Amino acid sequence: QLQLVESGGGLVQPGGSLRLSCAASGFTLNYYAIAWFRQAPGKEREGVSCISSSGGSPNYADSVKGRFTISRDNSKNTAYLQMNSLKTEDTAVYYCAAARNGASTYTACRYYGMDYWGKGTLVTVSS
């Protein structure tokens, strides 16, 4: 079964850190760009960060720039989102998604036309 599975969410105090993981099964992430999205209660889903299939050109939403870091380990078929200096407004369900540019071996960072989605992991930032 082709799927993405997120893990690492939980409850953290403001100022704390969490690292989310996105593990792929049934396919290899090597040629896929990875993006992290989040959806807070009552709000639309938004793109948080993305990274190209080669691991270059990371992109971040202004709201998380300087606090979040996206990375990937293709040998582990896994991507990560390191979240530092968390704020209450970071509370949301976080989703990872993967996209491939046709049969190309390179896919640039993007937030649209995703091929696979995970089911999400809840991050709650509260004191």
PDB file of N, CA and C in Angstrom:
ATOM      1  N   GLN A   1       0.842  -1.183   0.000  1.00  0.00           N
ATOM      2  CA  GLN A   1       0.000   0.000   0.000  1.00  0.00           C
ATOM      3  C   GLN A   1       0.887   1.246   0.000  1.00  0.00           C
ATOM      4  N   LEU A   2       0.559   2.177  -0.895  1.00  0.00           N
ATOM      5  CA  LEU A   2       1.343   3.395  -1.011  1.00  0.00           C
ATOM      6  C   LEU A   2       0.815   4.404   0.001  1.00  0.00           C
ATOM      7  N   GLN A   3       1.660   4.824   0.924  1.00  0.00           N
ATOM      8  CA  GLN A   3       1.168   5.762   1.926  1.00  0.00           C
ATOM      9  C   GLN A   3       2.293   6.557   2.566  1.00  0.00           C
ATOM     10  N   LEU A   4       1.879   7.682   3.151  1.00  0.00           N
ATOM     11  CA  LEU A   4       2.746   8.506   3.982  1.00  0.00           C
ATOM     12  C   LEU A   4       2.189   8.480   5.396  1.00  0.00           C
ATOM     13  N   VAL A   5       3.069   8.360   6.361  1.00  0.00           N
ATOM     14  CA  VAL A   5       2.634   8.320   7.748  1.00  0.00           C
ATOM     15  C   VAL A   5       3.426   9.347   8.548  1.00  0.00           C
ATOM     16  N   GLU A   6       2.693  10.288   9.150  1.00  0.00           N
ATOM     17  CA  GLU A   6       3.333  11.299   9.985  1.00  0.00           C
ATOM     18  C   GLU A   6       3.408  10.804  11.430  1.00  0.00           C
ATOM     19  N   SER A   7       4.400  11.288  12.138  1.00  0.00           N
ATOM     20  CA  SER A   7       4.527  11.004  13.571  1.00  0.00           C
ATOM     21  C   SER A   7       5.286  12.150  14.227  1.00  0.00           C
ATOM     22  N   GLY A   8       5.249  12.172  15.548  1.00  0.00           N
ATOM     23  CA  GLY A   8       6.007  13.168  16.288  1.00  0.00           C
ATOM     24  C   GLY A   8       5.200  14.305  16.868  1.00  0.00           C
ATOM     25  N   GLY A   9       3.906  14.338  16.575  1.00  0.00           N
ATOM     26  CA  GLY A   9       3.083  15.396  17.137  1.00  0.00           C
ATOM     27  C   GLY A   9       2.850  15.175  18.621  1.00  0.00           C
ATOM     28  N   GLY A  10       2.263  16.186  19.252  1.00  0.00           N
ATOM     29  CA  GLY A  10       1.982  16.071  20.669  1.00  0.00           C
ATOM     30  C   GLY A  10       1.726  17.423  21.295  1.00  0.00           C
ATOM     31  N   LEU A  11       1.740  17.435  22.611  1.00  0.00           N
ATOM     32  CA  LEU A  11       1.510  18.657  23.380  1.00  0.00           C
ATOM     33  C   LEU A  11       2.860  19.220  23.822  1.00  0.00           C
ATOM     34  N   VAL A  12       3.053  20.500  23.578  1.00  0.00           N
ATOM     35  CA  VAL A  12       4.306  21.149  23.947  1.00  0.00           C
ATOM     36  C   VAL A  12       3.999  22.551  24.442  1.00  0.00           C
ATOM     37  N   GLN A  13       4.802  23.038  25.340  1.00  0.00           N
ATOM     38  CA  GLN A  13       4.622  24.394  25.857  1.00  0.00           C
ATOM     39  C   GLN A  13       5.162  25.429  24.868  1.00  0.00           C
ATOM     40  N   PRO A  14       4.639  26.622  24.923  1.00  0.00           N
ATOM     41  CA  PRO A  14       5.197  27.689  24.075  1.00  0.00           C
ATOM     42  C   PRO A  14       6.693  27.832  24.289  1.00  0.00           C
ATOM     43  N   GLY A  15       7.407  27.984  23.171  1.00  0.00           N
ATOM     44  CA  GLY A  15       8.856  28.052  23.237  1.00  0.00           C
ATOM     45  C   GLY A  15       9.537  26.713  23.073  1.00  0.00           C
ATOM     46  N   GLY A  16       8.763  25.651  23.122  1.00  0.00           N
ATOM     47  CA  GLY A  16       9.320  24.315  23.012  1.00  0.00           C
ATOM     48  C   GLY A  16       9.560  23.885  21.577  1.00  0.00           C
ATOM     49  N   SER A  17       9.986  22.628  21.431  1.00  0.00           N
ATOM     50  CA  SER A  17      10.332  22.088  20.116  1.00  0.00           C
ATOM     51  C   SER A  17       9.691  20.720  19.908  1.00  0.00           C
ATOM     52  N   LEU A  18       9.457  20.411  18.654  1.00  0.00           N
ATOM     53  CA  LEU A  18       9.011  19.086  18.237  1.00  0.00           C
ATOM     54  C   LEU A  18       9.644  18.791  16.888  1.00  0.00           C
ATOM     55  N   ARG A  19       9.850  17.512  16.619  1.00  0.00           N
ATOM     56  CA  ARG A  19      10.287  17.100  15.287  1.00  0.00           C
ATOM     57  C   ARG A  19       9.267  16.133  14.716  1.00  0.00           C
ATOM     58  N   LEU A  20       8.681  16.522  13.611  1.00  0.00           N
ATOM     59  CA  LEU A  20       7.740  15.664  12.912  1.00  0.00           C
ATOM     60  C   LEU A  20       8.477  14.825  11.876  1.00  0.00           C
ATOM     61  N   SER A  21       8.011  13.597  11.720  1.00  0.00           N
ATOM     62  CA  SER A  21       8.554  12.704  10.704  1.00  0.00           C
ATOM     63  C   SER A  21       7.464  12.335   9.713  1.00  0.00           C
ATOM     64  N   CYS A  22       7.881  12.068   8.494  1.00  0.00           N
ATOM     65  CA  CYS A  22       6.960  11.657   7.423  1.00  0.00           C
ATOM     66  C   CYS A  22       7.610  10.480   6.725  1.00  0.00           C
ATOM     67  N   ALA A  23       7.116   9.290   7.001  1.00  0.00           N
ATOM     68  CA  ALA A  23       7.703   8.078   6.450  1.00  0.00           C
ATOM     69  C   ALA A  23       6.856   7.555   5.300  1.00  0.00           C
ATOM     70  N   ALA A  24       7.511   7.207   4.211  1.00  0.00           N
ATOM     71  CA  ALA A  24       6.813   6.661   3.048  1.00  0.00           C
ATOM     72  C   ALA A  24       6.923   5.145   3.050  1.00  0.00           C
ATOM     73  N   SER A  25       5.857   4.507   2.630  1.00  0.00           N
ATOM     74  CA  SER A  25       5.887   3.054   2.458  1.00  0.00           C
ATOM     75  C   SER A  25       5.213   2.707   1.139  1.00  0.00           C
ATOM     76  N   GLY A  26       5.744   1.689   0.480  1.00  0.00           N
ATOM     77  CA  GLY A  26       5.177   1.255  -0.787  1.00  0.00           C
ATOM     78  C   GLY A  26       5.747   1.980  -1.991  1.00  0.00           C
ATOM     79  N   PHE A  27       6.526   3.022  -1.761  1.00  0.00           N
ATOM     80  CA  PHE A  27       7.181   3.734  -2.850  1.00  0.00           C
ATOM     81  C   PHE A  27       8.387   4.476  -2.278  1.00  0.00           C
ATOM     82  N   THR A  28       9.285   4.877  -3.162  1.00  0.00           N
ATOM     83  CA  THR A  28      10.473   5.598  -2.729  1.00  0.00           C
ATOM     84  C   THR A  28      10.278   7.098  -2.909  1.00  0.00           C
ATOM     85  N   LEU A  29      10.738   7.845  -1.914  1.00  0.00           N
ATOM     86  CA  LEU A  29      10.584   9.294  -1.947  1.00  0.00           C
ATOM     87  C   LEU A  29      11.635   9.995  -2.795  1.00  0.00           C
ATOM     88  N   ASN A  30      12.598   9.256  -3.306  1.00  0.00           N
ATOM     89  CA  ASN A  30      13.778   9.867  -3.930  1.00  0.00           C
ATOM     90  C   ASN A  30      13.440  10.934  -4.976  1.00  0.00           C
ATOM     91  N   TYR A  31      12.408  10.713  -5.784  1.00  0.00           N
ATOM     92  CA  TYR A  31      12.112  11.627  -6.886  1.00  0.00           C
ATOM     93  C   TYR A  31      10.960  12.565  -6.576  1.00  0.00           C
ATOM     94  N   TYR A  32      10.546  12.560  -5.322  1.00  0.00           N
ATOM     95  CA  TYR A  32       9.373  13.341  -4.921  1.00  0.00           C
ATOM     96  C   TYR A  32       9.776  14.568  -4.098  1.00  0.00           C
ATOM     97  N   ALA A  33       9.144  15.690  -4.407  1.00  0.00           N
ATOM     98  CA  ALA A  33       9.208  16.824  -3.502  1.00  0.00           C
ATOM     99  C   ALA A  33       8.291  16.540  -2.316  1.00  0.00           C
ATOM    100  N   ILE A  34       8.668  17.064  -1.183  1.00  0.00           N
ATOM    101  CA  ILE A  34       7.879  16.880   0.036  1.00  0.00           C
ATOM    102  C   ILE A  34       7.408  18.249   0.532  1.00  0.00           C
ATOM    103  N   ALA A  35       6.172  18.291   0.943  1.00  0.00           N
ATOM    104  CA  ALA A  35       5.640  19.515   1.535  1.00  0.00           C
ATOM    105  C   ALA A  35       4.938  19.194   2.834  1.00  0.00           C
ATOM    106  N   TRP A  36       5.039  20.124   3.769  1.00  0.00           N
ATOM    107  CA  TRP A  36       4.278  20.046   5.008  1.00  0.00           C
ATOM    108  C   TRP A  36       3.185  21.113   4.962  1.00  0.00           C
ATOM    109  N   PHE A  37       1.989  20.696   5.351  1.00  0.00           N
ATOM    110  CA  PHE A  37       0.852  21.590   5.450  1.00  0.00           C
ATOM    111  C   PHE A  37       0.332  21.525   6.888  1.00  0.00           C
ATOM    112  N   ARG A  38      -0.481  22.494   7.237  1.00  0.00           N
ATOM    113  CA  ARG A  38      -1.155  22.431   8.527  1.00  0.00           C
ATOM    114  C   ARG A  38      -2.550  23.038   8.410  1.00  0.00           C
ATOM    115  N   GLN A  39      -3.417  22.563   9.283  1.00  0.00           N
ATOM    116  CA  GLN A  39      -4.773  23.099   9.326  1.00  0.00           C
ATOM    117  C   GLN A  39      -5.176  23.285  10.773  1.00  0.00           C
ATOM    118  N   ALA A  40      -5.373  24.520  11.134  1.00  0.00           N
ATOM    119  CA  ALA A  40      -5.817  24.853  12.485  1.00  0.00           C
ATOM    120  C   ALA A  40      -7.345  24.827  12.531  1.00  0.00           C
ATOM    121  N   PRO A  41      -7.917  24.646  13.703  1.00  0.00           N
ATOM    122  CA  PRO A  41      -9.378  24.612  13.826  1.00  0.00           C
ATOM    123  C   PRO A  41     -10.015  25.873  13.240  1.00  0.00           C
ATOM    124  N   GLY A  42     -10.986  25.670  12.358  1.00  0.00           N
ATOM    125  CA  GLY A  42     -11.699  26.789  11.774  1.00  0.00           C
ATOM    126  C   GLY A  42     -10.948  27.541  10.701  1.00  0.00           C
ATOM    127  N   LYS A  43      -9.786  27.036  10.300  1.00  0.00           N
ATOM    128  CA  LYS A  43      -8.994  27.722   9.281  1.00  0.00           C
ATOM    129  C   LYS A  43      -8.736  26.804   8.096  1.00  0.00           C
ATOM    130  N   GLU A  44      -8.364  27.410   6.979  1.00  0.00           N
ATOM    131  CA  GLU A  44      -8.028  26.632   5.806  1.00  0.00           C
ATOM    132  C   GLU A  44      -6.634  26.017   5.957  1.00  0.00           C
ATOM    133  N   ARG A  45      -6.437  24.960   5.226  1.00  0.00           N
ATOM    134  CA  ARG A  45      -5.117  24.338   5.217  1.00  0.00           C
ATOM    135  C   ARG A  45      -4.115  25.271   4.548  1.00  0.00           C
ATOM    136  N   GLU A  46      -2.921  25.334   5.096  1.00  0.00           N
ATOM    137  CA  GLU A  46      -1.892  26.201   4.527  1.00  0.00           C
ATOM    138  C   GLU A  46      -0.579  25.435   4.375  1.00  0.00           C
ATOM    139  N   GLY A  47       0.165  25.809   3.371  1.00  0.00           N
ATOM    140  CA  GLY A  47       1.485  25.240   3.174  1.00  0.00           C
ATOM    141  C   GLY A  47       2.463  25.855   4.156  1.00  0.00           C
ATOM    142  N   VAL A  48       3.232  25.009   4.799  1.00  0.00           N
ATOM    143  CA  VAL A  48       4.178  25.454   5.814  1.00  0.00           C
ATOM    144  C   VAL A  48       5.605  25.467   5.284  1.00  0.00           C
ATOM    145  N   SER A  49       5.974  24.371   4.631  1.00  0.00           N
ATOM    146  CA  SER A  49       7.342  24.246   4.153  1.00  0.00           C
ATOM    147  C   SER A  49       7.394  23.176   3.078  1.00  0.00           C
ATOM    148  N   CYS A  50       8.333  23.306   2.158  1.00  0.00           N
ATOM    149  CA  CYS A  50       8.526  22.259   1.163  1.00  0.00           C
ATOM    150  C   CYS A  50      10.002  22.158   0.815  1.00  0.00           C
ATOM    151  N   ILE A  51      10.347  21.022   0.215  1.00  0.00           N
ATOM    152  CA  ILE A  51      11.734  20.753  -0.151  1.00  0.00           C
ATOM    153  C   ILE A  51      11.750  19.949  -1.436  1.00  0.00           C
ATOM    154  N   SER A  52      12.719  20.200  -2.272  1.00  0.00           N
ATOM    155  CA  SER A  52      12.785  19.492  -3.550  1.00  0.00           C
ATOM    156  C   SER A  52      13.219  18.039  -3.353  1.00  0.00           C
ATOM    157  N   SER A  53      13.121  17.273  -4.413  1.00  0.00           N
ATOM    158  CA  SER A  53      13.485  15.855  -4.328  1.00  0.00           C
ATOM    159  C   SER A  53      14.969  15.676  -4.022  1.00  0.00           C
ATOM    160  N   SER A  54      15.780  16.633  -4.413  1.00  0.00           N
ATOM    161  CA  SER A  54      17.220  16.536  -4.163  1.00  0.00           C
ATOM    162  C   SER A  54      17.609  17.069  -2.794  1.00  0.00           C
ATOM    163  N   GLY A  55      16.653  17.661  -2.104  1.00  0.00           N
ATOM    164  CA  GLY A  55      16.932  18.211  -0.777  1.00  0.00           C
ATOM    165  C   GLY A  55      17.314  19.676  -0.783  1.00  0.00           C
ATOM    166  N   GLY A  56      17.316  20.284  -1.949  1.00  0.00           N
ATOM    167  CA  GLY A  56      17.674  21.692  -2.030  1.00  0.00           C
ATOM    168  C   GLY A  56      16.454  22.586  -2.076  1.00  0.00           C
ATOM    169  N   SER A  57      16.742  23.883  -2.101  1.00  0.00           N
ATOM    170  CA  SER A  57      15.700  24.914  -2.280  1.00  0.00           C
ATOM    171  C   SER A  57      14.536  24.794  -1.314  1.00  0.00           C
ATOM    172  N   PRO A  58      14.784  24.679  -0.022  1.00  0.00           N
ATOM    173  CA  PRO A  58      13.649  24.643   0.902  1.00  0.00           C
ATOM    174  C   PRO A  58      12.898  25.967   0.902  1.00  0.00           C
ATOM    175  N   ASN A  59      11.623  25.870   1.123  1.00  0.00           N
ATOM    176  CA  ASN A  59      10.767  27.051   1.174  1.00  0.00           C
ATOM    177  C   ASN A  59       9.979  27.037   2.470  1.00  0.00           C
ATOM    178  N   TYR A  60       9.747  28.229   3.024  1.00  0.00           N
ATOM    179  CA  TYR A  60       9.019  28.323   4.285  1.00  0.00           C
ATOM    180  C   TYR A  60       7.983  29.432   4.218  1.00  0.00           C
ATOM    181  N   ALA A  61       6.852  29.179   4.847  1.00  0.00           N
ATOM    182  CA  ALA A  61       5.870  30.239   5.028  1.00  0.00           C
ATOM    183  C   ALA A  61       6.485  31.305   5.937  1.00  0.00           C
ATOM    184  N   ASP A  62       6.094  32.554   5.729  1.00  0.00           N
ATOM    185  CA  ASP A  62       6.644  33.647   6.537  1.00  0.00           C
ATOM    186  C   ASP A  62       6.412  33.424   8.027  1.00  0.00           C
ATOM    187  N   SER A  63       5.306  32.792   8.357  1.00  0.00           N
ATOM    188  CA  SER A  63       4.947  32.607   9.759  1.00  0.00           C
ATOM    189  C   SER A  63       5.866  31.643  10.491  1.00  0.00           C
ATOM    190  N   VAL A  64       6.626  30.811   9.760  1.00  0.00           N
ATOM    191  CA  VAL A  64       7.491  29.825  10.411  1.00  0.00           C
ATOM    192  C   VAL A  64       8.962  30.019  10.075  1.00  0.00           C
ATOM    193  N   LYS A  65       9.254  30.966   9.204  1.00  0.00           N
ATOM    194  CA  LYS A  65      10.628  31.184   8.770  1.00  0.00           C
ATOM    195  C   LYS A  65      11.513  31.515   9.971  1.00  0.00           C
ATOM    196  N   GLY A  66      12.659  30.845  10.025  1.00  0.00           N
ATOM    197  CA  GLY A  66      13.582  31.053  11.133  1.00  0.00           C
ATOM    198  C   GLY A  66      13.313  30.177  12.339  1.00  0.00           C
ATOM    199  N   ARG A  67      12.165  29.511  12.354  1.00  0.00           N
ATOM    200  CA  ARG A  67      11.819  28.635  13.479  1.00  0.00           C
ATOM    201  C   ARG A  67      11.711  27.167  13.051  1.00  0.00           C
ATOM    202  N   PHE A  68      11.258  26.917  11.846  1.00  0.00           N
ATOM    203  CA  PHE A  68      11.079  25.552  11.348  1.00  0.00           C
ATOM    204  C   PHE A  68      12.169  25.230  10.330  1.00  0.00           C
ATOM    205  N   THR A  69      12.553  23.951  10.304  1.00  0.00           N
ATOM    206  CA  THR A  69      13.529  23.479   9.323  1.00  0.00           C
ATOM    207  C   THR A  69      13.036  22.170   8.724  1.00  0.00           C
ATOM    208  N   ILE A  70      12.959  22.141   7.407  1.00  0.00           N
ATOM    209  CA  ILE A  70      12.557  20.925   6.707  1.00  0.00           C
ATOM    210  C   ILE A  70      13.814  20.196   6.245  1.00  0.00           C
ATOM    211  N   SER A  71      13.761  18.872   6.269  1.00  0.00           N
ATOM    212  CA  SER A  71      14.891  18.082   5.800  1.00  0.00           C
ATOM    213  C   SER A  71      14.363  16.739   5.318  1.00  0.00           C
ATOM    214  N   ARG A  72      15.253  15.963   4.725  1.00  0.00           N
ATOM    215  CA  ARG A  72      14.870  14.640   4.262  1.00  0.00           C
ATOM    216  C   ARG A  72      16.074  13.727   4.302  1.00  0.00           C
ATOM    217  N   ASP A  73      15.793  12.445   4.477  1.00  0.00           N
ATOM    218  CA  ASP A  73      16.812  11.407   4.440  1.00  0.00           C
ATOM    219  C   ASP A  73      16.301  10.343   3.491  1.00  0.00           C
ATOM    220  N   ASN A  74      16.724  10.423   2.259  1.00  0.00           N
ATOM    221  CA  ASN A  74      16.203   9.475   1.254  1.00  0.00           C
ATOM    222  C   ASN A  74      16.614   8.041   1.567  1.00  0.00           C
ATOM    223  N   SER A  75      17.716   7.858   2.271  1.00  0.00           N
ATOM    224  CA  SER A  75      18.129   6.493   2.628  1.00  0.00           C
ATOM    225  C   SER A  75      17.152   5.862   3.610  1.00  0.00           C
ATOM    226  N   LYS A  76      16.437   6.714   4.351  1.00  0.00           N
ATOM    227  CA  LYS A  76      15.427   6.224   5.302  1.00  0.00           C
ATOM    228  C   LYS A  76      14.011   6.401   4.759  1.00  0.00           C
ATOM    229  N   ASN A  77      13.925   6.954   3.541  1.00  0.00           N
ATOM    230  CA  ASN A  77      12.607   7.173   2.925  1.00  0.00           C
ATOM    231  C   ASN A  77      11.710   8.022   3.825  1.00  0.00           C
ATOM    232  N   THR A  78      12.320   9.022   4.426  1.00  0.00           N
ATOM    233  CA  THR A  78      11.632   9.824   5.440  1.00  0.00           C
ATOM    234  C   THR A  78      12.002  11.301   5.298  1.00  0.00           C
ATOM    235  N   ALA A  79      11.007  12.143   5.579  1.00  0.00           N
ATOM    236  CA  ALA A  79      11.232  13.586   5.642  1.00  0.00           C
ATOM    237  C   ALA A  79      10.908  14.065   7.055  1.00  0.00           C
ATOM    238  N   TYR A  80      11.418  15.239   7.380  1.00  0.00           N
ATOM    239  CA  TYR A  80      11.270  15.746   8.741  1.00  0.00           C
ATOM    240  C   TYR A  80      10.889  17.225   8.733  1.00  0.00           C
ATOM    241  N   LEU A  81      10.269  17.640   9.816  1.00  0.00           N
ATOM    242  CA  LEU A  81      10.033  19.062  10.048  1.00  0.00           C
ATOM    243  C   LEU A  81      10.411  19.342  11.488  1.00  0.00           C
ATOM    244  N   GLN A  82      11.539  20.017  11.672  1.00  0.00           N
ATOM    245  CA  GLN A  82      11.981  20.416  13.003  1.00  0.00           C
ATOM    246  C   GLN A  82      11.332  21.750  13.334  1.00  0.00           C
ATOM    247  N   MET A  83      10.605  21.779  14.428  1.00  0.00           N
ATOM    248  CA  MET A  83       9.861  22.978  14.813  1.00  0.00           C
ATOM    249  C   MET A  83      10.393  23.474  16.149  1.00  0.00           C
ATOM    250  N   ASN A  84      10.966  24.649  16.139  1.00  0.00           N
ATOM    251  CA  ASN A  84      11.514  25.276  17.350  1.00  0.00           C
ATOM    252  C   ASN A  84      10.740  26.542  17.682  1.00  0.00           C
ATOM    253  N   SER A  85      10.929  27.008  18.899  1.00  0.00           N
ATOM    254  CA  SER A  85      10.285  28.253  19.348  1.00  0.00           C
ATOM    255  C   SER A  85       8.795  28.254  19.020  1.00  0.00           C
ATOM    256  N   LEU A  86       8.150  27.158  19.350  1.00  0.00           N
ATOM    257  CA  LEU A  86       6.740  26.998  18.994  1.00  0.00           C
ATOM    258  C   LEU A  86       5.863  28.024  19.702  1.00  0.00           C
ATOM    259  N   LYS A  87       4.838  28.444  18.993  1.00  0.00           N
ATOM    260  CA  LYS A  87       3.883  29.430  19.486  1.00  0.00           C
ATOM    261  C   LYS A  87       2.496  28.796  19.541  1.00  0.00           C
ATOM    262  N   THR A  88       1.607  29.389  20.305  1.00  0.00           N
ATOM    263  CA  THR A  88       0.250  28.838  20.397  1.00  0.00           C
ATOM    264  C   THR A  88      -0.418  28.827  19.033  1.00  0.00           C
ATOM    265  N   GLU A  89      -0.090  29.779  18.192  1.00  0.00           N
ATOM    266  CA  GLU A  89      -0.698  29.819  16.862  1.00  0.00           C
ATOM    267  C   GLU A  89      -0.175  28.742  15.913  1.00  0.00           C
ATOM    268  N   ASP A  90       0.811  27.973  16.350  1.00  0.00           N
ATOM    269  CA  ASP A  90       1.276  26.828  15.557  1.00  0.00           C
ATOM    270  C   ASP A  90       0.414  25.591  15.789  1.00  0.00           C
ATOM    271  N   THR A  91      -0.510  25.676  16.719  1.00  0.00           N
ATOM    272  CA  THR A  91      -1.403  24.548  16.990  1.00  0.00           C
ATOM    273  C   THR A  91      -2.220  24.212  15.750  1.00  0.00           C
ATOM    274  N   ALA A  92      -2.137  22.949  15.328  1.00  0.00           N
ATOM    275  CA  ALA A  92      -2.820  22.514  14.103  1.00  0.00           C
ATOM    276  C   ALA A  92      -2.568  21.028  13.894  1.00  0.00           C
ATOM    277  N   VAL A  93      -3.308  20.471  12.962  1.00  0.00           N
ATOM    278  CA  VAL A  93      -2.975  19.147  12.444  1.00  0.00           C
ATOM    279  C   VAL A  93      -1.984  19.367  11.298  1.00  0.00           C
ATOM    280  N   TYR A  94      -0.877  18.674  11.363  1.00  0.00           N
ATOM    281  CA  TYR A  94       0.178  18.806  10.363  1.00  0.00           C
ATOM    282  C   TYR A  94       0.154  17.593   9.439  1.00  0.00           C
ATOM    283  N   TYR A  95       0.192  17.873   8.149  1.00  0.00           N
ATOM    284  CA  TYR A  95       0.168  16.839   7.123  1.00  0.00           C
ATOM    285  C   TYR A  95       1.427  16.929   6.273  1.00  0.00           C
ATOM    286  N   CYS A  96       1.937  15.775   5.870  1.00  0.00           N
ATOM    287  CA  CYS A  96       2.967  15.782   4.851  1.00  0.00           C
ATOM    288  C   CYS A  96       2.361  15.261   3.553  1.00  0.00           C
ATOM    289  N   ALA A  97       2.943  15.695   2.454  1.00  0.00           N
ATOM    290  CA  ALA A  97       2.480  15.295   1.135  1.00  0.00           C
ATOM    291  C   ALA A  97       3.674  15.194   0.201  1.00  0.00           C
ATOM    292  N   ALA A  98       3.529  14.361  -0.820  1.00  0.00           N
ATOM    293  CA  ALA A  98       4.614  14.134  -1.772  1.00  0.00           C
ATOM    294  C   ALA A  98       4.111  14.353  -3.189  1.00  0.00           C
ATOM    295  N   ALA A  99       4.962  14.931  -4.010  1.00  0.00           N
ATOM    296  CA  ALA A  99       4.619  15.197  -5.408  1.00  0.00           C
ATOM    297  C   ALA A  99       5.793  14.853  -6.306  1.00  0.00           C
ATOM    298  N   ARG A 100       5.479  14.297  -7.456  1.00  0.00           N
ATOM    299  CA  ARG A 100       6.520  13.990  -8.428  1.00  0.00           C
ATOM    300  C   ARG A 100       6.165  14.627  -9.755  1.00  0.00           C
ATOM    301  N   ASN A 101       7.159  15.132 -10.449  1.00  0.00           N
ATOM    302  CA  ASN A 101       6.990  15.783 -11.740  1.00  0.00           C
ATOM    303  C   ASN A 101       7.013  14.729 -12.839  1.00  0.00           C
ATOM    304  N   GLY A 102       5.869  14.078 -13.054  1.00  0.00           N
ATOM    305  CA  GLY A 102       5.777  13.049 -14.076  1.00  0.00           C
ATOM    306  C   GLY A 102       6.745  11.921 -13.802  1.00  0.00           C
ATOM    307  N   ALA A 103       7.544  11.558 -14.792  1.00  0.00           N
ATOM    308  CA  ALA A 103       8.528  10.494 -14.634  1.00  0.00           C
ATOM    309  C   ALA A 103       9.920  11.056 -14.386  1.00  0.00           C
ATOM    310  N   SER A 104       9.978  12.351 -14.146  1.00  0.00           N
ATOM    311  CA  SER A 104      11.276  12.995 -13.927  1.00  0.00           C
ATOM    312  C   SER A 104      11.933  12.511 -12.647  1.00  0.00           C
ATOM    313  N   THR A 105      13.247  12.565 -12.626  1.00  0.00           N
ATOM    314  CA  THR A 105      13.974  12.197 -11.410  1.00  0.00           C
ATOM    315  C   THR A 105      14.159  13.394 -10.484  1.00  0.00           C
ATOM    316  N   TYR A 106      13.687  14.571 -10.910  1.00  0.00           N
ATOM    317  CA  TYR A 106      13.779  15.767 -10.077  1.00  0.00           C
ATOM    318  C   TYR A 106      12.422  16.453 -10.019  1.00  0.00           C
ATOM    319  N   THR A 107      12.023  16.808  -8.816  1.00  0.00           N
ATOM    320  CA  THR A 107      10.789  17.558  -8.612  1.00  0.00           C
ATOM    321  C   THR A 107      11.091  18.743  -7.710  1.00  0.00           C
ATOM    322  N   ALA A 108      10.768  19.920  -8.183  1.00  0.00           N
ATOM    323  CA  ALA A 108      10.998  21.125  -7.397  1.00  0.00           C
ATOM    324  C   ALA A 108       9.987  21.227  -6.258  1.00  0.00           C
ATOM    325  N   CYS A 109      10.358  21.969  -5.268  1.00  0.00           N
ATOM    326  CA  CYS A 109       9.484  22.242  -4.130  1.00  0.00           C
ATOM    327  C   CYS A 109       8.170  22.863  -4.596  1.00  0.00           C
ATOM    328  N   ARG A 110       7.038  22.349  -4.134  1.00  0.00           N
ATOM    329  CA  ARG A 110       5.746  22.932  -4.513  1.00  0.00           C
ATOM    330  C   ARG A 110       4.696  22.551  -3.500  1.00  0.00           C
ATOM    331  N   TYR A 111       3.565  23.275  -3.543  1.00  0.00           N
ATOM    332  CA  TYR A 111       2.457  23.034  -2.616  1.00  0.00           C
ATOM    333  C   TYR A 111       1.177  22.637  -3.354  1.00  0.00           C
ATOM    334  N   TYR A 112       1.264  22.284  -4.613  1.00  0.00           N
ATOM    335  CA  TYR A 112       0.087  21.930  -5.386  1.00  0.00           C
ATOM    336  C   TYR A 112       0.322  20.616  -6.123  1.00  0.00           C
ATOM    337  N   GLY A 113      -0.792  20.009  -6.554  1.00  0.00           N
ATOM    338  CA  GLY A 113      -0.663  18.786  -7.340  1.00  0.00           C
ATOM    339  C   GLY A 113       0.042  17.667  -6.604  1.00  0.00           C
ATOM    340  N   MET A 114      -0.234  17.563  -5.310  1.00  0.00           N
ATOM    341  CA  MET A 114       0.419  16.522  -4.522  1.00  0.00           C
ATOM    342  C   MET A 114      -0.154  15.159  -4.867  1.00  0.00           C
ATOM    343  N   ASP A 115       0.701  14.164  -4.927  1.00  0.00           N
ATOM    344  CA  ASP A 115       0.274  12.810  -5.309  1.00  0.00           C
ATOM    345  C   ASP A 115      -0.141  11.954  -4.120  1.00  0.00           C
ATOM    346  N   TYR A 116       0.513  12.139  -3.008  1.00  0.00           N
ATOM    347  CA  TYR A 116       0.220  11.343  -1.814  1.00  0.00           C
ATOM    348  C   TYR A 116       0.133  12.262  -0.598  1.00  0.00           C
ATOM    349  N   TRP A 117      -0.767  11.887   0.296  1.00  0.00           N
ATOM    350  CA  TRP A 117      -0.972  12.633   1.539  1.00  0.00           C
ATOM    351  C   TRP A 117      -0.957  11.688   2.727  1.00  0.00           C
ATOM    352  N   GLY A 118      -0.432  12.182   3.833  1.00  0.00           N
ATOM    353  CA  GLY A 118      -0.575  11.464   5.083  1.00  0.00           C
ATOM    354  C   GLY A 118      -1.882  11.831   5.758  1.00  0.00           C
ATOM    355  N   LYS A 119      -2.175  11.175   6.869  1.00  0.00           N
ATOM    356  CA  LYS A 119      -3.431  11.414   7.574  1.00  0.00           C
ATOM    357  C   LYS A 119      -3.302  12.501   8.631  1.00  0.00           C
ATOM    358  N   GLY A 120      -2.093  12.932   8.889  1.00  0.00           N
ATOM    359  CA  GLY A 120      -1.887  14.049   9.791  1.00  0.00           C
ATOM    360  C   GLY A 120      -1.476  13.656  11.198  1.00  0.00           C
ATOM    361  N   THR A 121      -0.834  14.594  11.873  1.00  0.00           N
ATOM    362  CA  THR A 121      -0.463  14.433  13.273  1.00  0.00           C
ATOM    363  C   THR A 121      -0.759  15.752  13.982  1.00  0.00           C
ATOM    364  N   LEU A 122      -1.342  15.671  15.164  1.00  0.00           N
ATOM    365  CA  LEU A 122      -1.794  16.862  15.875  1.00  0.00           C
ATOM    366  C   LEU A 122      -0.654  17.453  16.699  1.00  0.00           C
ATOM    367  N   VAL A 123      -0.458  18.753  16.522  1.00  0.00           N
ATOM    368  CA  VAL A 123       0.491  19.507  17.337  1.00  0.00           C
ATOM    369  C   VAL A 123      -0.294  20.529  18.139  1.00  0.00           C
ATOM    370  N   THR A 124      -0.155  20.459  19.445  1.00  0.00           N
ATOM    371  CA  THR A 124      -0.838  21.399  20.335  1.00  0.00           C
ATOM    372  C   THR A 124       0.208  22.146  21.141  1.00  0.00           C
ATOM    373  N   VAL A 125       0.186  23.453  21.003  1.00  0.00           N
ATOM    374  CA  VAL A 125       1.123  24.303  21.740  1.00  0.00           C
ATOM    375  C   VAL A 125       0.316  25.074  22.780  1.00  0.00           C
ATOM    376  N   SER A 126       0.545  24.721  24.030  1.00  0.00           N
ATOM    377  CA  SER A 126      -0.260  25.305  25.099  1.00  0.00           C
ATOM    378  C   SER A 126       0.492  25.219  26.415  1.00  0.00           C
ATOM    379  N   SER A 127       0.242  26.196  27.269  1.00  0.00           N
ATOM    380  CA  SER A 127       0.828  26.154  28.603  1.00  0.00           C
ATOM    381  C   SER A 127      -0.141  25.530  29.594  1.00  0.00           C
TER     382      SER A 127
END
